[in-house]
Amino acid sequence: QQNVEDAVKEMQKPLARYIDDQDLDRMLREQEREGDPMAALIK
């Protein structure tokens, strides 16, 4: 259900995503990447 809601939310956004898009920025910041030296500090 959450995935469907997220997909509907994303479909309502414009196709072109600019650098000042807050949702995209927050999503990229929350992603945890392997080998990230700051991940432990943030946790």
PDB file of all heavy atoms in Angstrom:
ATOM      1  N   GLN A   1       0.837  -1.201   0.000  1.00  0.00           N
ATOM      2  CA  GLN A   1       0.000   0.000   0.000  1.00  0.00           C
ATOM      3  C   GLN A   1       0.877   1.259   0.000  1.00  0.00           C
ATOM      4  O   GLN A   1       0.596   2.220  -0.729  1.00  0.00           O
ATOM      5  CB  GLN A   1      -0.925  -0.012   1.232  1.00  0.00           C
ATOM      6  CG  GLN A   1      -1.895   1.133   1.294  1.00  0.00           C
ATOM      7  CD  GLN A   1      -2.944   1.059   0.212  1.00  0.00           C
ATOM      8  OE1 GLN A   1      -3.270  -0.014  -0.264  1.00  0.00           O
ATOM      9  NE2 GLN A   1      -3.465   2.197  -0.188  1.00  0.00           N
ATOM     10  N   GLN A   2       1.955   1.232   0.793  1.00  0.00           N
ATOM     11  CA  GLN A   2       2.881   2.370   0.840  1.00  0.00           C
ATOM     12  C   GLN A   2       3.541   2.583  -0.516  1.00  0.00           C
ATOM     13  O   GLN A   2       3.688   3.718  -0.981  1.00  0.00           O
ATOM     14  CB  GLN A   2       3.941   2.128   1.925  1.00  0.00           C
ATOM     15  CG  GLN A   2       4.896   3.280   2.124  1.00  0.00           C
ATOM     16  CD  GLN A   2       4.197   4.523   2.650  1.00  0.00           C
ATOM     17  OE1 GLN A   2       3.293   4.422   3.458  1.00  0.00           O
ATOM     18  NE2 GLN A   2       4.595   5.681   2.185  1.00  0.00           N
ATOM     19  N   ASN A   3       3.932   1.474  -1.165  1.00  0.00           N
ATOM     20  CA  ASN A   3       4.552   1.568  -2.485  1.00  0.00           C
ATOM     21  C   ASN A   3       3.594   2.176  -3.499  1.00  0.00           C
ATOM     22  O   ASN A   3       3.989   3.007  -4.331  1.00  0.00           O
ATOM     23  CB  ASN A   3       5.010   0.187  -2.969  1.00  0.00           C
ATOM     24  CG  ASN A   3       6.171  -0.339  -2.163  1.00  0.00           C
ATOM     25  OD1 ASN A   3       6.824   0.408  -1.434  1.00  0.00           O
ATOM     26  ND2 ASN A   3       6.433  -1.634  -2.268  1.00  0.00           N
ATOM     27  N   VAL A   4       2.320   1.767  -3.433  1.00  0.00           N
ATOM     28  CA  VAL A   4       1.319   2.325  -4.358  1.00  0.00           C
ATOM     29  C   VAL A   4       1.150   3.819  -4.111  1.00  0.00           C
ATOM     30  O   VAL A   4       1.107   4.618  -5.062  1.00  0.00           O
ATOM     31  CB  VAL A   4      -0.028   1.574  -4.198  1.00  0.00           C
ATOM     32  CG1 VAL A   4      -1.147   2.298  -4.913  1.00  0.00           C
ATOM     33  CG2 VAL A   4       0.097   0.145  -4.696  1.00  0.00           C
ATOM     34  N   GLU A   5       1.062   4.202  -2.830  1.00  0.00           N
ATOM     35  CA  GLU A   5       0.915   5.627  -2.512  1.00  0.00           C
ATOM     36  C   GLU A   5       2.126   6.426  -2.983  1.00  0.00           C
ATOM     37  O   GLU A   5       1.978   7.528  -3.520  1.00  0.00           O
ATOM     38  CB  GLU A   5       0.716   5.801  -1.008  1.00  0.00           C
ATOM     39  CG  GLU A   5      -0.638   5.350  -0.513  1.00  0.00           C
ATOM     40  CD  GLU A   5      -0.744   5.388   0.994  1.00  0.00           C
ATOM     41  OE1 GLU A   5       0.179   5.916   1.658  1.00  0.00           O
ATOM     42  OE2 GLU A   5      -1.761   4.889   1.517  1.00  0.00           O
ATOM     43  N   ASP A   6       3.320   5.869  -2.781  1.00  0.00           N
ATOM     44  CA  ASP A   6       4.534   6.549  -3.245  1.00  0.00           C
ATOM     45  C   ASP A   6       4.532   6.693  -4.758  1.00  0.00           C
ATOM     46  O   ASP A   6       4.917   7.739  -5.297  1.00  0.00           O
ATOM     47  CB  ASP A   6       5.785   5.789  -2.792  1.00  0.00           C
ATOM     48  CG  ASP A   6       6.009   5.887  -1.293  1.00  0.00           C
ATOM     49  OD1 ASP A   6       5.381   6.762  -0.657  1.00  0.00           O
ATOM     50  OD2 ASP A   6       6.794   5.077  -0.761  1.00  0.00           O
ATOM     51  N   ALA A   7       4.095   5.636  -5.445  1.00  0.00           N
ATOM     52  CA  ALA A   7       4.069   5.679  -6.910  1.00  0.00           C
ATOM     53  C   ALA A   7       3.075   6.735  -7.403  1.00  0.00           C
ATOM     54  O   ALA A   7       3.367   7.499  -8.331  1.00  0.00           O
ATOM     55  CB  ALA A   7       3.702   4.310  -7.473  1.00  0.00           C
ATOM     56  N   VAL A   8       1.912   6.806  -6.758  1.00  0.00           N
ATOM     57  CA  VAL A   8       0.912   7.821  -7.142  1.00  0.00           C
ATOM     58  C   VAL A   8       1.465   9.217  -6.887  1.00  0.00           C
ATOM     59  O   VAL A   8       1.304  10.136  -7.710  1.00  0.00           O
ATOM     60  CB  VAL A   8      -0.408   7.588  -6.357  1.00  0.00           C
ATOM     61  CG1 VAL A   8      -1.344   8.775  -6.501  1.00  0.00           C
ATOM     62  CG2 VAL A   8      -1.083   6.316  -6.817  1.00  0.00           C
ATOM     63  N   LYS A   9       2.146   9.382  -5.761  1.00  0.00           N
ATOM     64  CA  LYS A   9       2.739  10.676  -5.415  1.00  0.00           C
ATOM     65  C   LYS A   9       3.800  11.077  -6.452  1.00  0.00           C
ATOM     66  O   LYS A   9       3.864  12.234  -6.877  1.00  0.00           O
ATOM     67  CB  LYS A   9       3.364  10.560  -4.026  1.00  0.00           C
ATOM     68  CG  LYS A   9       3.752  11.851  -3.387  1.00  0.00           C
ATOM     69  CD  LYS A   9       4.202  11.548  -1.968  1.00  0.00           C
ATOM     70  CE  LYS A   9       4.770  12.766  -1.302  1.00  0.00           C
ATOM     71  NZ  LYS A   9       5.293  12.451   0.022  1.00  0.00           N
ATOM     72  N   GLU A  10       4.602  10.090  -6.856  1.00  0.00           N
ATOM     73  CA  GLU A  10       5.645  10.375  -7.853  1.00  0.00           C
ATOM     74  C   GLU A  10       5.046  10.670  -9.219  1.00  0.00           C
ATOM     75  O   GLU A  10       5.580  11.487  -9.965  1.00  0.00           O
ATOM     76  CB  GLU A  10       6.614   9.186  -7.960  1.00  0.00           C
ATOM     77  CG  GLU A  10       7.488   8.990  -6.742  1.00  0.00           C
ATOM     78  CD  GLU A  10       8.432  10.146  -6.486  1.00  0.00           C
ATOM     79  OE1 GLU A  10       8.949  10.732  -7.458  1.00  0.00           O
ATOM     80  OE2 GLU A  10       8.637  10.486  -5.308  1.00  0.00           O
ATOM     81  N   MET A  11       3.925  10.021  -9.551  1.00  0.00           N
ATOM     82  CA  MET A  11       3.298  10.260 -10.854  1.00  0.00           C
ATOM     83  C   MET A  11       2.726  11.663 -10.946  1.00  0.00           C
ATOM     84  O   MET A  11       2.624  12.223 -12.039  1.00  0.00           O
ATOM     85  CB  MET A  11       2.187   9.232 -11.104  1.00  0.00           C
ATOM     86  CG  MET A  11       2.694   7.882 -11.549  1.00  0.00           C
ATOM     87  SD  MET A  11       1.392   6.816 -12.122  1.00  0.00           S
ATOM     88  CE  MET A  11       0.684   6.251 -10.597  1.00  0.00           C
ATOM     89  N   GLN A  12       2.337  12.226  -9.825  1.00  0.00           N
ATOM     90  CA  GLN A  12       1.750  13.559  -9.842  1.00  0.00           C
ATOM     91  C   GLN A  12       2.808  14.652  -9.996  1.00  0.00           C
ATOM     92  O   GLN A  12       2.474  15.789 -10.324  1.00  0.00           O
ATOM     93  CB  GLN A  12       0.950  13.785  -8.562  1.00  0.00           C
ATOM     94  CG  GLN A  12      -0.305  12.943  -8.501  1.00  0.00           C
ATOM     95  CD  GLN A  12      -0.998  13.042  -7.170  1.00  0.00           C
ATOM     96  OE1 GLN A  12      -0.448  13.574  -6.216  1.00  0.00           O
ATOM     97  NE2 GLN A  12      -2.212  12.509  -7.094  1.00  0.00           N
ATOM     98  N   LYS A  13       4.070  14.305  -9.783  1.00  0.00           N
ATOM     99  CA  LYS A  13       5.142  15.289  -9.923  1.00  0.00           C
ATOM    100  C   LYS A  13       5.494  15.445 -11.400  1.00  0.00           C
ATOM    101  O   LYS A  13       5.258  14.554 -12.208  1.00  0.00           O
ATOM    102  CB  LYS A  13       6.374  14.821  -9.150  1.00  0.00           C
ATOM    103  CG  LYS A  13       6.175  14.829  -7.654  1.00  0.00           C
ATOM    104  CD  LYS A  13       7.414  14.384  -6.972  1.00  0.00           C
ATOM    105  CE  LYS A  13       7.188  14.347  -5.462  1.00  0.00           C
ATOM    106  NZ  LYS A  13       8.339  13.853  -4.758  1.00  0.00           N
ATOM    107  N   PRO A  14       6.075  16.567 -11.730  1.00  0.00           N
ATOM    108  CA  PRO A  14       6.463  16.753 -13.130  1.00  0.00           C
ATOM    109  C   PRO A  14       7.599  15.788 -13.503  1.00  0.00           C
ATOM    110  O   PRO A  14       8.337  15.303 -12.646  1.00  0.00           O
ATOM    111  CB  PRO A  14       6.933  18.212 -13.182  1.00  0.00           C
ATOM    112  CG  PRO A  14       7.258  18.558 -11.778  1.00  0.00           C
ATOM    113  CD  PRO A  14       6.379  17.727 -10.909  1.00  0.00           C
ATOM    114  N   LEU A  15       7.730  15.541 -14.798  1.00  0.00           N
ATOM    115  CA  LEU A  15       8.725  14.584 -15.267  1.00  0.00           C
ATOM    116  C   LEU A  15      10.136  15.116 -15.042  1.00  0.00           C
ATOM    117  O   LEU A  15      11.032  14.368 -14.634  1.00  0.00           O
ATOM    118  CB  LEU A  15       8.504  14.291 -16.758  1.00  0.00           C
ATOM    119  CG  LEU A  15       9.382  13.213 -17.347  1.00  0.00           C
ATOM    120  CD1 LEU A  15       9.150  11.894 -16.634  1.00  0.00           C
ATOM    121  CD2 LEU A  15       9.150  13.069 -18.821  1.00  0.00           C
ATOM    122  N   ALA A  16      10.355  16.384 -15.273  1.00  0.00           N
ATOM    123  CA  ALA A  16      11.683  16.972 -15.087  1.00  0.00           C
ATOM    124  C   ALA A  16      11.884  17.286 -13.605  1.00  0.00           C
ATOM    125  O   ALA A  16      11.100  18.005 -13.001  1.00  0.00           O
ATOM    126  CB  ALA A  16      11.816  18.239 -15.917  1.00  0.00           C
ATOM    127  N   ARG A  17      12.939  16.746 -12.990  1.00  0.00           N
ATOM    128  CA  ARG A  17      13.251  16.996 -11.586  1.00  0.00           C
ATOM    129  C   ARG A  17      14.459  17.917 -11.540  1.00  0.00           C
ATOM    130  O   ARG A  17      15.502  17.608 -12.092  1.00  0.00           O
ATOM    131  CB  ARG A  17      13.578  15.691 -10.858  1.00  0.00           C
ATOM    132  CG  ARG A  17      12.597  14.548 -11.048  1.00  0.00           C
ATOM    133  CD  ARG A  17      11.408  14.515 -10.132  1.00  0.00           C
ATOM    134  NE  ARG A  17      11.600  14.563  -8.735  1.00  0.00           N
ATOM    135  CZ  ARG A  17      11.534  13.526  -7.912  1.00  0.00           C
ATOM    136  NH1 ARG A  17      11.369  12.319  -8.383  1.00  0.00           N
ATOM    137  NH2 ARG A  17      11.650  13.689  -6.635  1.00  0.00           N
ATOM    138  N   TYR A  18      14.317  19.033 -10.854  1.00  0.00           N
ATOM    139  CA  TYR A  18      15.395  20.007 -10.785  1.00  0.00           C
ATOM    140  C   TYR A  18      16.210  19.819  -9.517  1.00  0.00           C
ATOM    141  O   TYR A  18      15.836  19.081  -8.613  1.00  0.00           O
ATOM    142  CB  TYR A  18      14.822  21.423 -10.858  1.00  0.00           C
ATOM    143  CG  TYR A  18      14.107  21.665 -12.173  1.00  0.00           C
ATOM    144  CD1 TYR A  18      12.727  21.683 -12.232  1.00  0.00           C
ATOM    145  CD2 TYR A  18      14.841  21.834 -13.349  1.00  0.00           C
ATOM    146  CE1 TYR A  18      12.073  21.879 -13.431  1.00  0.00           C
ATOM    147  CE2 TYR A  18      14.184  22.039 -14.557  1.00  0.00           C
ATOM    148  CZ  TYR A  18      12.808  22.052 -14.596  1.00  0.00           C
ATOM    149  OH  TYR A  18      12.177  22.232 -15.784  1.00  0.00           O
ATOM    150  N   ILE A  19      17.298  20.539  -9.385  1.00  0.00           N
ATOM    151  CA  ILE A  19      18.224  20.389  -8.266  1.00  0.00           C
ATOM    152  C   ILE A  19      17.623  20.868  -6.956  1.00  0.00           C
ATOM    153  O   ILE A  19      18.020  20.406  -5.880  1.00  0.00           O
ATOM    154  CB  ILE A  19      19.554  21.120  -8.582  1.00  0.00           C
ATOM    155  CG1 ILE A  19      20.644  20.595  -7.668  1.00  0.00           C
ATOM    156  CG2 ILE A  19      19.391  22.623  -8.434  1.00  0.00           C
ATOM    157  CD1 ILE A  19      22.022  20.809  -8.198  1.00  0.00           C
ATOM    158  N   ASP A  20      16.630  21.737  -7.021  1.00  0.00           N
ATOM    159  CA  ASP A  20      16.027  22.244  -5.789  1.00  0.00           C
ATOM    160  C   ASP A  20      14.803  21.439  -5.359  1.00  0.00           C
ATOM    161  O   ASP A  20      14.028  21.882  -4.507  1.00  0.00           O
ATOM    162  CB  ASP A  20      15.656  23.725  -5.955  1.00  0.00           C
ATOM    163  CG  ASP A  20      14.635  23.946  -7.059  1.00  0.00           C
ATOM    164  OD1 ASP A  20      14.473  23.035  -7.895  1.00  0.00           O
ATOM    165  OD2 ASP A  20      14.010  25.015  -7.076  1.00  0.00           O
ATOM    166  N   ASP A  21      14.623  20.239  -5.908  1.00  0.00           N
ATOM    167  CA  ASP A  21      13.507  19.366  -5.520  1.00  0.00           C
ATOM    168  C   ASP A  21      13.794  18.783  -4.137  1.00  0.00           C
ATOM    169  O   ASP A  21      14.726  18.001  -3.954  1.00  0.00           O
ATOM    170  CB  ASP A  21      13.348  18.243  -6.548  1.00  0.00           C
ATOM    171  CG  ASP A  21      12.078  17.445  -6.311  1.00  0.00           C
ATOM    172  OD1 ASP A  21      11.368  17.743  -5.334  1.00  0.00           O
ATOM    173  OD2 ASP A  21      11.797  16.527  -7.108  1.00  0.00           O
ATOM    174  N   GLN A  22      12.988  19.166  -3.151  1.00  0.00           N
ATOM    175  CA  GLN A  22      13.237  18.769  -1.761  1.00  0.00           C
ATOM    176  C   GLN A  22      13.004  17.277  -1.535  1.00  0.00           C
ATOM    177  O   GLN A  22      13.744  16.634  -0.793  1.00  0.00           O
ATOM    178  CB  GLN A  22      12.353  19.578  -0.820  1.00  0.00           C
ATOM    179  CG  GLN A  22      12.730  21.039  -0.774  1.00  0.00           C
ATOM    180  CD  GLN A  22      11.789  21.834   0.104  1.00  0.00           C
ATOM    181  OE1 GLN A  22      10.788  21.308   0.575  1.00  0.00           O
ATOM    182  NE2 GLN A  22      12.110  23.095   0.321  1.00  0.00           N
ATOM    183  N   ASP A  23      11.984  16.707  -2.164  1.00  0.00           N
ATOM    184  CA  ASP A  23      11.705  15.274  -1.986  1.00  0.00           C
ATOM    185  C   ASP A  23      12.856  14.428  -2.508  1.00  0.00           C
ATOM    186  O   ASP A  23      13.288  13.478  -1.855  1.00  0.00           O
ATOM    187  CB  ASP A  23      10.422  14.870  -2.715  1.00  0.00           C
ATOM    188  CG  ASP A  23       9.185  15.450  -2.055  1.00  0.00           C
ATOM    189  OD1 ASP A  23       9.268  15.772  -0.854  1.00  0.00           O
ATOM    190  OD2 ASP A  23       8.151  15.552  -2.735  1.00  0.00           O
ATOM    191  N   LEU A  24      13.360  14.770  -3.676  1.00  0.00           N
ATOM    192  CA  LEU A  24      14.477  14.023  -4.258  1.00  0.00           C
ATOM    193  C   LEU A  24      15.718  14.160  -3.375  1.00  0.00           C
ATOM    194  O   LEU A  24      16.412  13.171  -3.115  1.00  0.00           O
ATOM    195  CB  LEU A  24      14.763  14.535  -5.673  1.00  0.00           C
ATOM    196  CG  LEU A  24      15.940  13.884  -6.398  1.00  0.00           C
ATOM    197  CD1 LEU A  24      15.675  12.400  -6.609  1.00  0.00           C
ATOM    198  CD2 LEU A  24      16.204  14.571  -7.719  1.00  0.00           C
ATOM    199  N   ASP A  25      15.971  15.384  -2.909  1.00  0.00           N
ATOM    200  CA  ASP A  25      17.137  15.621  -2.045  1.00  0.00           C
ATOM    201  C   ASP A  25      17.036  14.811  -0.751  1.00  0.00           C
ATOM    202  O   ASP A  25      18.003  14.160  -0.344  1.00  0.00           O
ATOM    203  CB  ASP A  25      17.235  17.122  -1.733  1.00  0.00           C
ATOM    204  CG  ASP A  25      18.513  17.450  -0.994  1.00  0.00           C
ATOM    205  OD1 ASP A  25      19.578  16.951  -1.400  1.00  0.00           O
ATOM    206  OD2 ASP A  25      18.431  18.186   0.011  1.00  0.00           O
ATOM    207  N   ARG A  26      15.848  14.815  -0.106  1.00  0.00           N
ATOM    208  CA  ARG A  26      15.665  14.061   1.129  1.00  0.00           C
ATOM    209  C   ARG A  26      15.822  12.565   0.893  1.00  0.00           C
ATOM    210  O   ARG A  26      16.452  11.862   1.679  1.00  0.00           O
ATOM    211  CB  ARG A  26      14.277  14.345   1.710  1.00  0.00           C
ATOM    212  CG  ARG A  26      14.088  13.781   3.107  1.00  0.00           C
ATOM    213  CD  ARG A  26      12.729  14.058   3.738  1.00  0.00           C
ATOM    214  NE  ARG A  26      12.200  15.382   3.508  1.00  0.00           N
ATOM    215  CZ  ARG A  26      11.151  15.663   2.741  1.00  0.00           C
ATOM    216  NH1 ARG A  26      10.536  14.690   2.099  1.00  0.00           N
ATOM    217  NH2 ARG A  26      10.712  16.890   2.596  1.00  0.00           N
ATOM    218  N   MET A  27      15.258  12.073  -0.230  1.00  0.00           N
ATOM    219  CA  MET A  27      15.365  10.648  -0.535  1.00  0.00           C
ATOM    220  C   MET A  27      16.821  10.240  -0.736  1.00  0.00           C
ATOM    221  O   MET A  27      17.276   9.211  -0.218  1.00  0.00           O
ATOM    222  CB  MET A  27      14.556  10.328  -1.795  1.00  0.00           C
ATOM    223  CG  MET A  27      14.539   8.852  -2.163  1.00  0.00           C
ATOM    224  SD  MET A  27      13.752   8.538  -3.750  1.00  0.00           S
ATOM    225  CE  MET A  27      14.977   9.183  -4.879  1.00  0.00           C
ATOM    226  N   LEU A  28      17.584  11.070  -1.453  1.00  0.00           N
ATOM    227  CA  LEU A  28      18.995  10.744  -1.696  1.00  0.00           C
ATOM    228  C   LEU A  28      19.808  10.811  -0.411  1.00  0.00           C
ATOM    229  O   LEU A  28      20.730  10.018  -0.202  1.00  0.00           O
ATOM    230  CB  LEU A  28      19.577  11.695  -2.748  1.00  0.00           C
ATOM    231  CG  LEU A  28      19.026  11.516  -4.166  1.00  0.00           C
ATOM    232  CD1 LEU A  28      19.572  12.606  -5.083  1.00  0.00           C
ATOM    233  CD2 LEU A  28      19.355  10.146  -4.716  1.00  0.00           C
ATOM    234  N   ARG A  29      19.467  11.744   0.483  1.00  0.00           N
ATOM    235  CA  ARG A  29      20.206  11.855   1.745  1.00  0.00           C
ATOM    236  C   ARG A  29      19.916  10.666   2.668  1.00  0.00           C
ATOM    237  O   ARG A  29      20.788  10.228   3.408  1.00  0.00           O
ATOM    238  CB  ARG A  29      19.842  13.155   2.469  1.00  0.00           C
ATOM    239  CG  ARG A  29      20.478  14.378   1.863  1.00  0.00           C
ATOM    240  CD  ARG A  29      19.986  15.615   2.597  1.00  0.00           C
ATOM    241  NE  ARG A  29      20.414  16.825   1.946  1.00  0.00           N
ATOM    242  CZ  ARG A  29      21.500  17.501   2.278  1.00  0.00           C
ATOM    243  NH1 ARG A  29      22.272  17.066   3.251  1.00  0.00           N
ATOM    244  NH2 ARG A  29      21.823  18.597   1.640  1.00  0.00           N
ATOM    245  N   GLU A  30      18.680  10.172   2.645  1.00  0.00           N
ATOM    246  CA  GLU A  30      18.324   9.073   3.531  1.00  0.00           C
ATOM    247  C   GLU A  30      18.852   7.724   3.063  1.00  0.00           C
ATOM    248  O   GLU A  30      18.888   6.783   3.837  1.00  0.00           O
ATOM    249  CB  GLU A  30      16.800   9.006   3.681  1.00  0.00           C
ATOM    250  CG  GLU A  30      16.247  10.132   4.523  1.00  0.00           C
ATOM    251  CD  GLU A  30      14.732  10.118   4.588  1.00  0.00           C
ATOM    252  OE1 GLU A  30      14.100   9.260   3.923  1.00  0.00           O
ATOM    253  OE2 GLU A  30      14.174  10.975   5.298  1.00  0.00           O
ATOM    254  N   GLN A  31      19.250   7.624   1.828  1.00  0.00           N
ATOM    255  CA  GLN A  31      19.796   6.357   1.334  1.00  0.00           C
ATOM    256  C   GLN A  31      21.119   6.056   2.022  1.00  0.00           C
ATOM    257  O   GLN A  31      21.955   6.939   2.188  1.00  0.00           O
ATOM    258  CB  GLN A  31      20.026   6.416  -0.177  1.00  0.00           C
ATOM    259  CG  GLN A  31      18.787   6.247  -1.003  1.00  0.00           C
ATOM    260  CD  GLN A  31      19.089   6.308  -2.489  1.00  0.00           C
ATOM    261  OE1 GLN A  31      20.235   6.513  -2.894  1.00  0.00           O
ATOM    262  NE2 GLN A  31      18.063   6.138  -3.290  1.00  0.00           N
ATOM    263  N   GLU A  32      21.266   4.784   2.422  1.00  0.00           N
ATOM    264  CA  GLU A  32      22.527   4.356   3.018  1.00  0.00           C
ATOM    265  C   GLU A  32      23.324   3.619   1.959  1.00  0.00           C
ATOM    266  O   GLU A  32      22.841   2.665   1.363  1.00  0.00           O
ATOM    267  CB  GLU A  32      22.273   3.455   4.232  1.00  0.00           C
ATOM    268  CG  GLU A  32      21.701   4.208   5.398  1.00  0.00           C
ATOM    269  CD  GLU A  32      21.560   3.336   6.630  1.00  0.00           C
ATOM    270  OE1 GLU A  32      22.207   2.269   6.675  1.00  0.00           O
ATOM    271  OE2 GLU A  32      20.806   3.719   7.528  1.00  0.00           O
ATOM    272  N   ARG A  33      24.560   4.070   1.758  1.00  0.00           N
ATOM    273  CA  ARG A  33      25.405   3.447   0.741  1.00  0.00           C
ATOM    274  C   ARG A  33      26.524   2.666   1.408  1.00  0.00           C
ATOM    275  O   ARG A  33      27.011   3.040   2.469  1.00  0.00           O
ATOM    276  CB  ARG A  33      25.977   4.525  -0.173  1.00  0.00           C
ATOM    277  CG  ARG A  33      24.882   5.229  -0.978  1.00  0.00           C
ATOM    278  CD  ARG A  33      25.469   6.381  -1.781  1.00  0.00           C
ATOM    279  NE  ARG A  33      24.433   7.155  -2.422  1.00  0.00           N
ATOM    280  CZ  ARG A  33      23.723   8.090  -1.824  1.00  0.00           C
ATOM    281  NH1 ARG A  33      23.940   8.385  -0.557  1.00  0.00           N
ATOM    282  NH2 ARG A  33      22.806   8.751  -2.473  1.00  0.00           N
ATOM    283  N   GLU A  34      26.919   1.614   0.748  1.00  0.00           N
ATOM    284  CA  GLU A  34      27.987   0.779   1.279  1.00  0.00           C
ATOM    285  C   GLU A  34      29.309   1.545   1.210  1.00  0.00           C
ATOM    286  O   GLU A  34      29.627   2.192   0.215  1.00  0.00           O
ATOM    287  CB  GLU A  34      28.089  -0.506   0.453  1.00  0.00           C
ATOM    288  CG  GLU A  34      28.987  -1.533   1.071  1.00  0.00           C
ATOM    289  CD  GLU A  34      28.988  -2.826   0.282  1.00  0.00           C
ATOM    290  OE1 GLU A  34      28.049  -3.053  -0.484  1.00  0.00           O
ATOM    291  OE2 GLU A  34      29.940  -3.583   0.448  1.00  0.00           O
ATOM    292  N   GLY A  35      30.054   1.481   2.293  1.00  0.00           N
ATOM    293  CA  GLY A  35      31.360   2.140   2.327  1.00  0.00           C
ATOM    294  C   GLY A  35      31.289   3.626   2.633  1.00  0.00           C
ATOM    295  O   GLY A  35      32.287   4.336   2.450  1.00  0.00           O
ATOM    296  N   ASP A  36      30.153   4.109   3.098  1.00  0.00           N
ATOM    297  CA  ASP A  36      30.022   5.524   3.427  1.00  0.00           C
ATOM    298  C   ASP A  36      30.701   5.794   4.767  1.00  0.00           C
ATOM    299  O   ASP A  36      30.307   5.236   5.786  1.00  0.00           O
ATOM    300  CB  ASP A  36      28.531   5.893   3.502  1.00  0.00           C
ATOM    301  CG  ASP A  36      28.303   7.379   3.664  1.00  0.00           C
ATOM    302  OD1 ASP A  36      29.297   8.133   3.708  1.00  0.00           O
ATOM    303  OD2 ASP A  36      27.127   7.786   3.745  1.00  0.00           O
ATOM    304  N   PRO A  37      31.742   6.651   4.820  1.00  0.00           N
ATOM    305  CA  PRO A  37      32.459   6.880   6.070  1.00  0.00           C
ATOM    306  C   PRO A  37      31.638   7.662   7.099  1.00  0.00           C
ATOM    307  O   PRO A  37      31.875   7.550   8.295  1.00  0.00           O
ATOM    308  CB  PRO A  37      33.696   7.679   5.643  1.00  0.00           C
ATOM    309  CG  PRO A  37      33.334   8.282   4.340  1.00  0.00           C
ATOM    310  CD  PRO A  37      32.349   7.381   3.696  1.00  0.00           C
ATOM    311  N   MET A  38      30.657   8.438   6.671  1.00  0.00           N
ATOM    312  CA  MET A  38      29.856   9.247   7.595  1.00  0.00           C
ATOM    313  C   MET A  38      28.614   8.517   8.099  1.00  0.00           C
ATOM    314  O   MET A  38      27.904   9.040   8.960  1.00  0.00           O
ATOM    315  CB  MET A  38      29.430  10.546   6.907  1.00  0.00           C
ATOM    316  CG  MET A  38      30.567  11.495   6.610  1.00  0.00           C
ATOM    317  SD  MET A  38      31.326  12.115   8.100  1.00  0.00           S
ATOM    318  CE  MET A  38      30.087  13.218   8.672  1.00  0.00           C
ATOM    319  N   ALA A  39      28.339   7.322   7.560  1.00  0.00           N
ATOM    320  CA  ALA A  39      27.095   6.625   7.914  1.00  0.00           C
ATOM    321  C   ALA A  39      27.040   6.325   9.408  1.00  0.00           C
ATOM    322  O   ALA A  39      25.991   6.494  10.047  1.00  0.00           O
ATOM    323  CB  ALA A  39      26.961   5.344   7.105  1.00  0.00           C
ATOM    324  N   ALA A  40      28.151   5.865   9.984  1.00  0.00           N
ATOM    325  CA  ALA A  40      28.161   5.520  11.412  1.00  0.00           C
ATOM    326  C   ALA A  40      27.903   6.752  12.272  1.00  0.00           C
ATOM    327  O   ALA A  40      27.150   6.698  13.255  1.00  0.00           O
ATOM    328  CB  ALA A  40      29.497   4.880  11.778  1.00  0.00           C
ATOM    329  N   LEU A  41      28.516   7.886  11.919  1.00  0.00           N
ATOM    330  CA  LEU A  41      28.332   9.118  12.670  1.00  0.00           C
ATOM    331  C   LEU A  41      26.874   9.589  12.603  1.00  0.00           C
ATOM    332  O   LEU A  41      26.295  10.010  13.617  1.00  0.00           O
ATOM    333  CB  LEU A  41      29.267  10.199  12.134  1.00  0.00           C
ATOM    334  CG  LEU A  41      29.216  11.534  12.864  1.00  0.00           C
ATOM    335  CD1 LEU A  41      29.744  11.368  14.279  1.00  0.00           C
ATOM    336  CD2 LEU A  41      30.032  12.572  12.120  1.00  0.00           C
ATOM    337  N   ILE A  42      26.286   9.496  11.418  1.00  0.00           N
ATOM    338  CA  ILE A  42      24.895   9.934  11.257  1.00  0.00           C
ATOM    339  C   ILE A  42      23.958   9.035  12.063  1.00  0.00           C
ATOM    340  O   ILE A  42      23.025   9.516  12.719  1.00  0.00           O
ATOM    341  CB  ILE A  42      24.510   9.948   9.762  1.00  0.00           C
ATOM    342  CG1 ILE A  42      25.285  11.067   9.050  1.00  0.00           C
ATOM    343  CG2 ILE A  42      23.013  10.145   9.585  1.00  0.00           C
ATOM    344  CD1 ILE A  42      25.145  11.059   7.556  1.00  0.00           C
ATOM    345  N   LYS A  43      24.227   7.727  12.041  1.00  0.00           N
ATOM    346  CA  LYS A  43      23.402   6.801  12.828  1.00  0.00           C
ATOM    347  C   LYS A  43      23.501   7.128  14.314  1.00  0.00           C
ATOM    348  O   LYS A  43      22.509   7.114  15.045  1.00  0.00           O
ATOM    349  CB  LYS A  43      23.861   5.356  12.598  1.00  0.00           C
ATOM    350  CG  LYS A  43      23.269   4.703  11.388  1.00  0.00           C
ATOM    351  CD  LYS A  43      23.684   3.254  11.361  1.00  0.00           C
ATOM    352  CE  LYS A  43      23.259   2.595  10.062  1.00  0.00           C
ATOM    353  NZ  LYS A  43      23.723   1.206   9.970  1.00  0.00           N
TER     354      LYS A  43
END
